[in-house]
Amino acid sequence: MPKMKSHKGLRKRIRVSARGKLRYNKSNAGHLMSGKSGSRRRKLRKMDVVADKKVAAKVRRAMMV
């Protein structure tokens, strides 16, 4: 049986923090920022954490961490 391959798209988009949490950049922060409020733009700059444990487990399995 061949080896499992890690999901390269996920590897590029999600980082694992020192405590093992999955961190990612929020969407909608690429362009067209003039129509968004300053507070919304500030919030989009920060990284977010995958909160759902089931989803995090699936992502971890796909990333092969």
Protein backbone atom coordinates (compact mmCIF):
# COMPACT_ATOMS: atom_id res chain seq x y z
CA MET A 1 0.00 0.00 0.00
CA PRO A 2 1.42 3.44 -0.89
CA LYS A 3 2.21 6.08 1.70
CA MET A 4 -0.41 8.69 2.53
CA LYS A 5 0.33 12.14 1.12
CA SER A 6 -0.14 15.30 3.14
CA HIS A 7 -2.54 17.91 1.76
CA LYS A 8 -0.15 20.51 0.34
CA GLY A 9 -2.79 23.27 0.20
CA LEU A 10 -3.48 22.90 3.92
CA ARG A 11 0.23 22.77 4.74
CA LYS A 12 0.64 26.18 3.12
CA ARG A 13 -2.42 27.77 4.76
CA ILE A 14 -2.40 26.45 8.33
CA ARG A 15 0.36 26.62 10.95
CA VAL A 16 0.55 24.60 14.15
CA SER A 17 1.25 26.73 17.22
CA ALA A 18 3.65 25.75 20.01
CA ARG A 19 0.75 24.34 22.03
CA GLY A 20 -0.58 22.37 19.07
CA LYS A 21 -3.42 24.67 18.03
CA LEU A 22 -4.14 25.17 14.34
CA ARG A 23 -3.81 28.82 13.28
CA TYR A 24 -4.83 30.34 9.95
CA ASN A 25 -5.24 33.75 8.34
CA LYS A 26 -8.82 34.95 7.99
CA SER A 27 -10.47 35.27 4.60
CA ASN A 28 -11.74 38.50 2.94
CA ALA A 29 -8.54 40.43 3.69
CA GLY A 30 -6.99 40.38 0.23
CA HIS A 31 -8.43 43.40 -1.58
CA LEU A 32 -11.46 45.73 -1.74
CA MET A 33 -10.65 46.95 1.76
CA SER A 34 -12.02 50.47 1.30
CA GLY A 35 -15.61 49.25 1.77
CA LYS A 36 -14.83 47.58 5.08
CA SER A 37 -14.75 49.38 8.40
CA GLY A 38 -11.48 49.99 10.22
CA SER A 39 -12.37 47.67 13.08
CA ARG A 40 -13.23 44.89 10.63
CA ARG A 41 -9.93 45.38 8.79
CA ARG A 42 -8.05 45.26 12.09
CA LYS A 43 -9.77 42.01 13.05
CA LEU A 44 -8.96 40.49 9.64
CA ARG A 45 -5.23 41.11 10.22
CA LYS A 46 -5.10 38.71 13.17
CA MET A 47 -4.80 34.97 12.84
CA ASP A 48 -7.66 32.76 13.96
CA VAL A 49 -7.71 29.30 15.58
CA VAL A 50 -9.62 26.25 14.35
CA ALA A 51 -12.02 25.96 17.30
CA ASP A 52 -14.04 22.86 16.40
CA LYS A 53 -12.18 19.78 17.71
CA LYS A 54 -13.63 17.45 15.08
CA VAL A 55 -12.62 19.75 12.24
CA ALA A 56 -9.18 20.24 13.80
CA ALA A 57 -8.69 16.46 13.96
CA LYS A 58 -9.60 16.12 10.27
CA VAL A 59 -7.25 18.95 9.31
CA ARG A 60 -4.45 17.42 11.39
CA ARG A 61 -4.96 14.07 9.67
CA ALA A 62 -4.86 15.75 6.23
CA MET A 63 -1.73 17.70 7.17
CA MET A 64 -0.16 14.60 8.73
CA VAL A 65 1.11 16.48 11.80
